[in-house]
Amino acid sequence: MMAANSRDVRAIVFDLDGTLIDSAPDLQAAVNSVLEEKGRRTLDLESVKHMIGDGVLKLLERAFAATGVPVPGEELPVIACRFLDFYEGHDADFTRAYDGVPETLARLHEDGIVMGVCTNKPVQATEDILRKLGMRHHFVAVLGGDSLRGGIRKPDPRHIGATLEAMRAAASVAVMVGDHPNDITSARAAHIPVIAVSYGYSRKPIREHKPNAVIDAFAELPEALRHLA
């Protein structure tokens, strides 16, 4: 068994994009498909990476603002449907788990850690990607940005709270692992510590947001859990 730390971590809530998987290439392709439909220029991969993290509507809002006149808010849901029509057929063409993720999840699972996913990505796409990458079985609960009524999603701590409830895990034994300021903000408000990965899609260096710990590779997670105060 993994050695317990002072918090006795028995549950982990994971973000998805930029934490478990590098999904930016497929998101870039879907974004560019709708930009081209509207006669806009396409965006390079690095530009799209810095737009990820707040759900589909915010991703598209940023993409259109970066390529010309912002799209009126009432048009965004229609464009989002076109985006999802493309993305859901190509959500794992180039998406891959980061190095060390499958092996580390298997280790944590063997150690009896209960794991869930809390992401602002639509839940159907999340489920599909996790299955295609052979990782779905590690998680007892998966909540997306459209899983809760009223548009509740990170950084709203209720998103994490609902994920923990679905995991049947208490906040007192839980940790959040993510790559984005939303993960840190929501975890703090949910009263759980957060371990951030440095390789994700945060627009600023993640250390500037002062998570409880930072890891540079996913395989470092078990050690970070042991040392988490």
C-alpha atoms as a PDB file:
ATOM      1  CA  MET A   1       0.000   0.000   0.000  1.00  0.00           C
ATOM      2  CA  MET A   2       1.066   3.573  -0.563  1.00  0.00           C
ATOM      3  CA  ALA A   3       2.306   5.116   2.634  1.00  0.00           C
ATOM      4  CA  ALA A   4      -0.314   7.386   4.163  1.00  0.00           C
ATOM      5  CA  ASN A   5       0.568  11.024   4.674  1.00  0.00           C
ATOM      6  CA  SER A   6      -0.691  13.424   7.313  1.00  0.00           C
ATOM      7  CA  ARG A   7      -3.902  13.945   5.361  1.00  0.00           C
ATOM      8  CA  ASP A   8      -4.453  10.206   4.728  1.00  0.00           C
ATOM      9  CA  VAL A   9      -5.364  10.712   1.061  1.00  0.00           C
ATOM     10  CA  ARG A  10      -7.784   8.046  -0.105  1.00  0.00           C
ATOM     11  CA  ALA A  11      -9.464   9.853  -3.017  1.00  0.00           C
ATOM     12  CA  ILE A  12      -8.210  11.879  -5.983  1.00  0.00           C
ATOM     13  CA  VAL A  13     -10.227  14.118  -8.292  1.00  0.00           C
ATOM     14  CA  PHE A  14      -8.456  14.616 -11.620  1.00  0.00           C
ATOM     15  CA  ASP A  15      -8.863  17.271 -14.247  1.00  0.00           C
ATOM     16  CA  LEU A  16      -8.657  15.857 -17.789  1.00  0.00           C
ATOM     17  CA  ASP A  17      -7.271  18.131 -20.522  1.00  0.00           C
ATOM     18  CA  GLY A  18      -3.715  19.197 -19.791  1.00  0.00           C
ATOM     19  CA  THR A  19      -3.538  16.871 -16.779  1.00  0.00           C
ATOM     20  CA  LEU A  20      -4.253  13.305 -17.869  1.00  0.00           C
ATOM     21  CA  ILE A  21      -4.341  13.835 -21.629  1.00  0.00           C
ATOM     22  CA  ASP A  22      -2.865  16.099 -24.275  1.00  0.00           C
ATOM     23  CA  SER A  23      -6.020  16.820 -26.265  1.00  0.00           C
ATOM     24  CA  ALA A  24      -4.891  20.103 -27.817  1.00  0.00           C
ATOM     25  CA  PRO A  25      -4.253  18.771 -31.352  1.00  0.00           C
ATOM     26  CA  ASP A  26      -7.807  17.445 -31.723  1.00  0.00           C
ATOM     27  CA  LEU A  27      -9.287  20.557 -30.131  1.00  0.00           C
ATOM     28  CA  GLN A  28      -7.241  22.677 -32.527  1.00  0.00           C
ATOM     29  CA  ALA A  29      -8.621  20.741 -35.490  1.00  0.00           C
ATOM     30  CA  ALA A  30     -12.212  21.195 -34.298  1.00  0.00           C
ATOM     31  CA  VAL A  31     -11.709  24.900 -33.574  1.00  0.00           C
ATOM     32  CA  ASN A  32     -10.164  25.471 -36.983  1.00  0.00           C
ATOM     33  CA  SER A  33     -13.026  23.602 -38.670  1.00  0.00           C
ATOM     34  CA  VAL A  34     -15.577  26.139 -37.384  1.00  0.00           C
ATOM     35  CA  LEU A  35     -13.259  29.092 -37.964  1.00  0.00           C
ATOM     36  CA  GLU A  36     -12.890  28.072 -41.601  1.00  0.00           C
ATOM     37  CA  GLU A  37     -16.667  27.698 -41.937  1.00  0.00           C
ATOM     38  CA  LYS A  38     -16.982  31.343 -40.881  1.00  0.00           C
ATOM     39  CA  GLY A  39     -14.216  32.543 -43.178  1.00  0.00           C
ATOM     40  CA  ARG A  40     -11.728  33.137 -40.369  1.00  0.00           C
ATOM     41  CA  ARG A  41      -8.020  32.362 -40.305  1.00  0.00           C
ATOM     42  CA  THR A  42      -6.966  29.217 -38.475  1.00  0.00           C
ATOM     43  CA  LEU A  43      -5.038  29.105 -35.203  1.00  0.00           C
ATOM     44  CA  ASP A  44      -1.775  27.378 -34.392  1.00  0.00           C
ATOM     45  CA  LEU A  45      -1.490  24.768 -31.664  1.00  0.00           C
ATOM     46  CA  GLU A  46       0.093  27.003 -29.035  1.00  0.00           C
ATOM     47  CA  SER A  47      -2.646  29.602 -29.413  1.00  0.00           C
ATOM     48  CA  VAL A  48      -5.364  26.981 -28.887  1.00  0.00           C
ATOM     49  CA  LYS A  49      -3.601  25.516 -25.853  1.00  0.00           C
ATOM     50  CA  HIS A  50      -3.900  28.848 -24.062  1.00  0.00           C
ATOM     51  CA  MET A  51      -7.649  28.960 -24.758  1.00  0.00           C
ATOM     52  CA  ILE A  52      -8.450  25.585 -23.159  1.00  0.00           C
ATOM     53  CA  GLY A  53      -9.845  25.105 -19.679  1.00  0.00           C
ATOM     54  CA  ASP A  54     -13.191  26.877 -19.396  1.00  0.00           C
ATOM     55  CA  GLY A  55     -15.432  24.734 -21.567  1.00  0.00           C
ATOM     56  CA  VAL A  56     -16.458  24.753 -25.225  1.00  0.00           C
ATOM     57  CA  LEU A  57     -18.245  28.110 -25.311  1.00  0.00           C
ATOM     58  CA  LYS A  58     -15.325  29.995 -23.777  1.00  0.00           C
ATOM     59  CA  LEU A  59     -12.869  28.194 -26.079  1.00  0.00           C
ATOM     60  CA  LEU A  60     -14.858  29.294 -29.128  1.00  0.00           C
ATOM     61  CA  GLU A  61     -15.372  32.798 -27.790  1.00  0.00           C
ATOM     62  CA  ARG A  62     -11.610  33.187 -27.416  1.00  0.00           C
ATOM     63  CA  ALA A  63     -10.902  31.669 -30.823  1.00  0.00           C
ATOM     64  CA  PHE A  64     -13.235  34.023 -32.649  1.00  0.00           C
ATOM     65  CA  ALA A  65     -12.040  37.049 -30.687  1.00  0.00           C
ATOM     66  CA  ALA A  66      -8.462  36.176 -31.655  1.00  0.00           C
ATOM     67  CA  THR A  67      -9.289  35.964 -35.357  1.00  0.00           C
ATOM     68  CA  GLY A  68     -11.443  39.023 -35.864  1.00  0.00           C
ATOM     69  CA  VAL A  69     -14.689  40.486 -34.591  1.00  0.00           C
ATOM     70  CA  PRO A  70     -16.043  38.571 -31.560  1.00  0.00           C
ATOM     71  CA  VAL A  71     -19.095  36.429 -32.267  1.00  0.00           C
ATOM     72  CA  PRO A  72     -22.359  37.633 -30.691  1.00  0.00           C
ATOM     73  CA  GLY A  73     -23.185  35.564 -27.640  1.00  0.00           C
ATOM     74  CA  GLU A  74     -26.417  34.243 -29.106  1.00  0.00           C
ATOM     75  CA  GLU A  75     -24.501  32.692 -32.031  1.00  0.00           C
ATOM     76  CA  LEU A  76     -22.035  30.797 -29.854  1.00  0.00           C
ATOM     77  CA  PRO A  77     -24.340  27.843 -28.994  1.00  0.00           C
ATOM     78  CA  VAL A  78     -24.974  27.256 -32.719  1.00  0.00           C
ATOM     79  CA  ILE A  79     -21.239  27.345 -33.451  1.00  0.00           C
ATOM     80  CA  ALA A  80     -20.658  25.059 -30.467  1.00  0.00           C
ATOM     81  CA  CYS A  81     -22.982  22.472 -32.018  1.00  0.00           C
ATOM     82  CA  ARG A  82     -20.951  22.581 -35.219  1.00  0.00           C
ATOM     83  CA  PHE A  83     -17.759  22.278 -33.184  1.00  0.00           C
ATOM     84  CA  LEU A  84     -19.082  19.224 -31.309  1.00  0.00           C
ATOM     85  CA  ASP A  85     -20.334  17.602 -34.516  1.00  0.00           C
ATOM     86  CA  PHE A  86     -16.745  17.640 -35.758  1.00  0.00           C
ATOM     87  CA  TYR A  87     -14.989  16.984 -32.453  1.00  0.00           C
ATOM     88  CA  GLU A  88     -17.029  14.000 -31.321  1.00  0.00           C
ATOM     89  CA  GLY A  89     -15.967  12.116 -34.447  1.00  0.00           C
ATOM     90  CA  HIS A  90     -12.314  13.071 -34.074  1.00  0.00           C
ATOM     91  CA  ASP A  91     -11.812  13.429 -30.310  1.00  0.00           C
ATOM     92  CA  ALA A  92      -9.017  10.857 -30.125  1.00  0.00           C
ATOM     93  CA  ASP A  93      -7.341  11.106 -33.526  1.00  0.00           C
ATOM     94  CA  PHE A  94      -4.226  12.651 -32.002  1.00  0.00           C
ATOM     95  CA  THR A  95      -5.136  12.875 -28.301  1.00  0.00           C
ATOM     96  CA  ARG A  96      -2.842  10.838 -26.072  1.00  0.00           C
ATOM     97  CA  ALA A  97      -2.291  10.246 -22.386  1.00  0.00           C
ATOM     98  CA  TYR A  98       0.737  12.060 -21.035  1.00  0.00           C
ATOM     99  CA  ASP A  99       3.800   9.971 -20.261  1.00  0.00           C
ATOM    100  CA  GLY A 100       3.378   7.953 -17.091  1.00  0.00           C
ATOM    101  CA  VAL A 101      -0.381   8.439 -16.784  1.00  0.00           C
ATOM    102  CA  PRO A 102      -1.615   4.881 -17.489  1.00  0.00           C
ATOM    103  CA  GLU A 103       1.032   3.296 -15.301  1.00  0.00           C
ATOM    104  CA  THR A 104       0.552   5.724 -12.424  1.00  0.00           C
ATOM    105  CA  LEU A 105      -3.239   5.391 -12.495  1.00  0.00           C
ATOM    106  CA  ALA A 106      -2.846   1.612 -12.362  1.00  0.00           C
ATOM    107  CA  ARG A 107      -0.539   1.942  -9.360  1.00  0.00           C
ATOM    108  CA  LEU A 108      -2.920   4.251  -7.531  1.00  0.00           C
ATOM    109  CA  HIS A 109      -5.816   1.925  -8.308  1.00  0.00           C
ATOM    110  CA  GLU A 110      -3.894  -1.027  -6.905  1.00  0.00           C
ATOM    111  CA  ASP A 111      -3.169   1.017  -3.778  1.00  0.00           C
ATOM    112  CA  GLY A 112      -6.899   1.381  -3.170  1.00  0.00           C
ATOM    113  CA  ILE A 113      -7.160   5.076  -4.075  1.00  0.00           C
ATOM    114  CA  VAL A 114     -10.651   6.031  -5.273  1.00  0.00           C
ATOM    115  CA  MET A 115     -10.398   8.182  -8.387  1.00  0.00           C
ATOM    116  CA  GLY A 116     -12.743  10.431 -10.357  1.00  0.00           C
ATOM    117  CA  VAL A 117     -12.620  12.963 -13.171  1.00  0.00           C
ATOM    118  CA  CYS A 118     -13.969  16.513 -12.917  1.00  0.00           C
ATOM    119  CA  THR A 119     -13.594  18.381 -16.199  1.00  0.00           C
ATOM    120  CA  ASN A 120     -15.235  21.273 -18.017  1.00  0.00           C
ATOM    121  CA  LYS A 121     -15.193  19.202 -21.217  1.00  0.00           C
ATOM    122  CA  PRO A 122     -18.612  17.770 -22.205  1.00  0.00           C
ATOM    123  CA  VAL A 123     -19.144  14.495 -20.389  1.00  0.00           C
ATOM    124  CA  GLN A 124     -19.883  12.382 -23.481  1.00  0.00           C
ATOM    125  CA  ALA A 125     -16.613  13.397 -25.121  1.00  0.00           C
ATOM    126  CA  THR A 126     -14.822  12.741 -21.829  1.00  0.00           C
ATOM    127  CA  GLU A 127     -16.286   9.258 -21.520  1.00  0.00           C
ATOM    128  CA  ASP A 128     -15.454   8.463 -25.152  1.00  0.00           C
ATOM    129  CA  ILE A 129     -11.834   9.583 -24.857  1.00  0.00           C
ATOM    130  CA  LEU A 130     -11.212   7.731 -21.604  1.00  0.00           C
ATOM    131  CA  ARG A 131     -12.601   4.537 -23.131  1.00  0.00           C
ATOM    132  CA  LYS A 132     -10.602   4.931 -26.348  1.00  0.00           C
ATOM    133  CA  LEU A 133      -7.415   5.448 -24.339  1.00  0.00           C
ATOM    134  CA  GLY A 134      -8.160   2.449 -22.112  1.00  0.00           C
ATOM    135  CA  MET A 135      -8.385   4.444 -18.880  1.00  0.00           C
ATOM    136  CA  ARG A 136     -12.115   4.625 -18.079  1.00  0.00           C
ATOM    137  CA  HIS A 137     -12.031   1.648 -15.706  1.00  0.00           C
ATOM    138  CA  HIS A 138      -9.806   3.505 -13.262  1.00  0.00           C
ATOM    139  CA  PHE A 139     -12.508   6.064 -12.383  1.00  0.00           C
ATOM    140  CA  VAL A 140     -15.596   5.455 -10.271  1.00  0.00           C
ATOM    141  CA  ALA A 141     -17.122   8.781 -11.374  1.00  0.00           C
ATOM    142  CA  VAL A 142     -16.750  11.100 -14.372  1.00  0.00           C
ATOM    143  CA  LEU A 143     -18.401  14.538 -14.402  1.00  0.00           C
ATOM    144  CA  GLY A 144     -18.184  16.958 -17.306  1.00  0.00           C
ATOM    145  CA  GLY A 145     -18.952  20.616 -17.728  1.00  0.00           C
ATOM    146  CA  ASP A 146     -22.512  19.725 -18.728  1.00  0.00           C
ATOM    147  CA  SER A 147     -23.182  17.136 -16.008  1.00  0.00           C
ATOM    148  CA  LEU A 148     -24.813  19.476 -13.489  1.00  0.00           C
ATOM    149  CA  ARG A 149     -27.892  21.629 -13.857  1.00  0.00           C
ATOM    150  CA  GLY A 150     -27.524  25.374 -14.016  1.00  0.00           C
ATOM    151  CA  GLY A 151     -24.204  25.313 -15.841  1.00  0.00           C
ATOM    152  CA  ILE A 152     -22.256  24.506 -12.664  1.00  0.00           C
ATOM    153  CA  ARG A 153     -18.619  23.823 -13.535  1.00  0.00           C
ATOM    154  CA  LYS A 154     -15.153  24.657 -12.297  1.00  0.00           C
ATOM    155  CA  PRO A 155     -14.155  27.063 -10.780  1.00  0.00           C
ATOM    156  CA  ASP A 156     -17.444  26.548  -8.913  1.00  0.00           C
ATOM    157  CA  PRO A 157     -16.523  24.225  -6.011  1.00  0.00           C
ATOM    158  CA  ARG A 158     -19.880  22.475  -6.350  1.00  0.00           C
ATOM    159  CA  HIS A 159     -18.488  20.739  -9.420  1.00  0.00           C
ATOM    160  CA  ILE A 160     -15.782  19.104  -7.321  1.00  0.00           C
ATOM    161  CA  GLY A 161     -18.259  18.500  -4.512  1.00  0.00           C
ATOM    162  CA  ALA A 162     -20.620  16.661  -6.851  1.00  0.00           C
ATOM    163  CA  THR A 163     -17.720  14.584  -8.170  1.00  0.00           C
ATOM    164  CA  LEU A 164     -16.714  13.585  -4.640  1.00  0.00           C
ATOM    165  CA  GLU A 165     -20.333  12.727  -3.862  1.00  0.00           C
ATOM    166  CA  ALA A 166     -20.482  10.492  -6.934  1.00  0.00           C
ATOM    167  CA  MET A 167     -17.227   8.900  -5.795  1.00  0.00           C
ATOM    168  CA  ARG A 168     -18.677   8.439  -2.284  1.00  0.00           C
ATOM    169  CA  ALA A 169     -15.553  10.113  -0.952  1.00  0.00           C
ATOM    170  CA  ALA A 170     -15.186  12.735   1.755  1.00  0.00           C
ATOM    171  CA  ALA A 171     -13.379  16.006   1.144  1.00  0.00           C
ATOM    172  CA  SER A 172     -11.312  15.342   4.253  1.00  0.00           C
ATOM    173  CA  VAL A 173      -9.454  12.504   2.491  1.00  0.00           C
ATOM    174  CA  ALA A 174      -9.399  13.969  -1.030  1.00  0.00           C
ATOM    175  CA  VAL A 175      -6.923  15.794  -3.249  1.00  0.00           C
ATOM    176  CA  MET A 176      -7.424  17.593  -6.574  1.00  0.00           C
ATOM    177  CA  VAL A 177      -4.891  17.151  -9.392  1.00  0.00           C
ATOM    178  CA  GLY A 178      -5.042  19.629 -12.265  1.00  0.00           C
ATOM    179  CA  ASP A 179      -3.196  21.989 -14.581  1.00  0.00           C
ATOM    180  CA  HIS A 180      -5.364  25.109 -14.613  1.00  0.00           C
ATOM    181  CA  PRO A 181      -6.137  28.008 -12.246  1.00  0.00           C
ATOM    182  CA  ASN A 182      -9.755  26.800 -12.233  1.00  0.00           C
ATOM    183  CA  ASP A 183      -8.614  23.581 -10.599  1.00  0.00           C
ATOM    184  CA  ILE A 184      -6.786  25.466  -7.861  1.00  0.00           C
ATOM    185  CA  THR A 185      -9.618  27.939  -7.242  1.00  0.00           C
ATOM    186  CA  SER A 186     -12.317  25.284  -7.062  1.00  0.00           C
ATOM    187  CA  ALA A 187     -10.247  22.945  -4.883  1.00  0.00           C
ATOM    188  CA  ARG A 188      -9.491  25.688  -2.376  1.00  0.00           C
ATOM    189  CA  ALA A 189     -13.168  26.619  -2.195  1.00  0.00           C
ATOM    190  CA  ALA A 190     -14.022  22.937  -1.716  1.00  0.00           C
ATOM    191  CA  HIS A 191     -11.473  22.792   1.132  1.00  0.00           C
ATOM    192  CA  ILE A 192      -9.228  20.183  -0.435  1.00  0.00           C
ATOM    193  CA  PRO A 193      -5.526  20.546  -1.322  1.00  0.00           C
ATOM    194  CA  VAL A 194      -4.447  20.641  -4.943  1.00  0.00           C
ATOM    195  CA  ILE A 195      -1.428  19.248  -6.737  1.00  0.00           C
ATOM    196  CA  ALA A 196      -0.746  20.980 -10.050  1.00  0.00           C
ATOM    197  CA  VAL A 197       1.102  19.652 -13.080  1.00  0.00           C
ATOM    198  CA  SER A 198       3.501  22.080 -14.725  1.00  0.00           C
ATOM    199  CA  TYR A 199       3.146  20.732 -18.267  1.00  0.00           C
ATOM    200  CA  GLY A 200      -0.520  21.608 -18.902  1.00  0.00           C
ATOM    201  CA  TYR A 201      -2.449  24.444 -20.534  1.00  0.00           C
ATOM    202  CA  SER A 202      -2.289  27.192 -17.919  1.00  0.00           C
ATOM    203  CA  ARG A 203      -1.741  30.585 -19.530  1.00  0.00           C
ATOM    204  CA  LYS A 204       0.656  31.548 -16.716  1.00  0.00           C
ATOM    205  CA  PRO A 205       3.201  29.325 -14.957  1.00  0.00           C
ATOM    206  CA  ILE A 206       1.061  27.251 -12.604  1.00  0.00           C
ATOM    207  CA  ARG A 207       3.383  27.867  -9.652  1.00  0.00           C
ATOM    208  CA  GLU A 208       2.232  31.509  -9.663  1.00  0.00           C
ATOM    209  CA  HIS A 209      -1.204  30.293  -8.550  1.00  0.00           C
ATOM    210  CA  LYS A 210       0.344  28.697  -5.439  1.00  0.00           C
ATOM    211  CA  PRO A 211      -1.036  25.152  -5.410  1.00  0.00           C
ATOM    212  CA  ASN A 212      -0.072  22.938  -2.481  1.00  0.00           C
ATOM    213  CA  ALA A 213       2.466  21.127  -4.667  1.00  0.00           C
ATOM    214  CA  VAL A 214       3.653  21.066  -8.277  1.00  0.00           C
ATOM    215  CA  ILE A 215       4.871  18.063 -10.253  1.00  0.00           C
ATOM    216  CA  ASP A 216       6.715  18.198 -13.574  1.00  0.00           C
ATOM    217  CA  ALA A 217       5.819  14.651 -14.635  1.00  0.00           C
ATOM    218  CA  PHE A 218       2.733  12.583 -13.832  1.00  0.00           C
ATOM    219  CA  ALA A 219       4.855   9.736 -12.478  1.00  0.00           C
ATOM    220  CA  GLU A 220       5.878  12.055  -9.627  1.00  0.00           C
ATOM    221  CA  LEU A 221       2.315  12.042  -8.263  1.00  0.00           C
ATOM    222  CA  PRO A 222       2.651   9.170  -5.734  1.00  0.00           C
ATOM    223  CA  GLU A 223       5.668  10.852  -4.156  1.00  0.00           C
ATOM    224  CA  ALA A 224       3.862  14.203  -4.047  1.00  0.00           C
ATOM    225  CA  LEU A 225       0.929  12.549  -2.287  1.00  0.00           C
ATOM    226  CA  ARG A 226       3.252  11.103   0.342  1.00  0.00           C
ATOM    227  CA  HIS A 227       4.753  14.504   1.073  1.00  0.00           C
ATOM    228  CA  LEU A 228       1.557  16.527   0.924  1.00  0.00           C
ATOM    229  CA  ALA A 229       1.110  18.354   4.196  1.00  0.00           C
END
